[in-house]
Amino acid sequence: MLDLDMTPYAAFVWPAWGVSALVLTALTVRALIASRKWKRELAKLEADQGTPPEAADTNRPQVARSAIGQQK
């Protein structure tokens, strides 16, 4: 069974788990926000070049196409 009784160490272990969960959540949110920002910047740069997104997408390596997702 799952025994979570950490009597002498609980004051150290549970806050450490909590801080770790908060840090991982913050890093995930930060990465998602940065990804959206990069997608907007890429779309703006492609618009400034006058290249339609479909044509620019064919010139982009497969890794980059999968990283930014399908363009509509």
Protein backbone atom coordinates (compact mmCIF):
# COMPACT_ATOMS: atom_id res chain seq x y z
CA MET A 1 0.00 0.00 0.00
CA LEU A 2 0.91 3.63 -0.28
CA ASP A 3 2.41 4.81 2.99
CA LEU A 4 2.76 8.60 3.12
CA ASP A 5 3.62 8.81 6.81
CA MET A 6 6.87 10.80 6.93
CA THR A 7 6.54 11.94 10.50
CA PRO A 8 10.00 13.42 11.14
CA TYR A 9 10.60 14.53 7.54
CA ALA A 10 7.17 15.72 6.42
CA ALA A 11 7.99 19.36 7.18
CA PHE A 12 10.79 19.20 4.59
CA VAL A 13 9.45 16.75 2.00
CA TRP A 14 5.94 18.14 1.36
CA PRO A 15 7.09 21.75 0.82
CA ALA A 16 9.82 20.48 -1.51
CA TRP A 17 7.20 18.62 -3.56
CA GLY A 18 5.03 21.74 -3.62
CA VAL A 19 7.85 24.02 -4.74
CA SER A 20 8.85 21.53 -7.42
CA ALA A 21 5.30 21.34 -8.75
CA LEU A 22 5.04 25.14 -8.84
CA VAL A 23 8.34 25.51 -10.68
CA LEU A 24 7.41 22.88 -13.28
CA THR A 25 4.04 24.52 -13.81
CA ALA A 26 5.62 27.96 -14.19
CA LEU A 27 8.16 26.64 -16.72
CA THR A 28 5.42 24.99 -18.76
CA VAL A 29 3.31 28.15 -18.83
CA ARG A 30 6.35 30.23 -19.75
CA ALA A 31 7.21 27.89 -22.64
CA LEU A 32 3.64 28.03 -23.97
CA ILE A 33 3.60 31.83 -23.84
CA ALA A 34 6.96 32.03 -25.62
CA SER A 35 5.77 29.60 -28.30
CA ARG A 36 2.72 31.73 -29.05
CA LYS A 37 4.89 34.84 -29.20
CA TRP A 38 7.30 33.18 -31.66
CA LYS A 39 4.40 32.07 -33.86
CA ARG A 40 3.06 35.64 -33.97
CA GLU A 41 6.53 37.00 -34.80
CA LEU A 42 7.00 34.42 -37.55
CA ALA A 43 3.63 35.29 -39.08
CA LYS A 44 4.51 38.99 -38.92
CA LEU A 45 7.89 38.42 -40.60
CA GLU A 46 6.32 36.30 -43.32
CA ALA A 47 3.68 38.99 -43.89
CA ASP A 48 6.38 41.68 -44.10
CA GLN A 49 8.21 39.67 -46.76
CA GLY A 50 5.06 39.44 -48.82
CA THR A 51 5.36 35.67 -49.01
CA PRO A 52 2.09 33.84 -48.60
CA PRO A 53 2.23 31.42 -45.64
CA GLU A 54 1.57 28.44 -47.94
CA ALA A 55 4.63 29.24 -50.08
CA ALA A 56 6.81 29.97 -47.08
CA ASP A 57 5.72 26.70 -45.51
CA THR A 58 7.04 24.66 -48.44
CA ASN A 59 10.49 26.23 -48.08
CA ARG A 60 10.67 25.47 -44.38
CA PRO A 61 12.32 22.23 -43.19
CA GLN A 62 10.02 19.50 -41.90
CA VAL A 63 11.16 20.10 -38.31
CA ALA A 64 10.10 23.75 -38.47
CA ARG A 65 6.76 22.90 -40.09
CA SER A 66 5.93 20.43 -37.34
CA ALA A 67 7.06 22.87 -34.64
CA ILE A 68 4.70 25.65 -35.70
CA GLY A 69 1.79 23.46 -36.73
CA GLN A 70 -0.43 23.59 -39.76
CA GLN A 71 -1.05 26.98 -41.31
CA LYS A 72 -4.61 27.72 -42.41
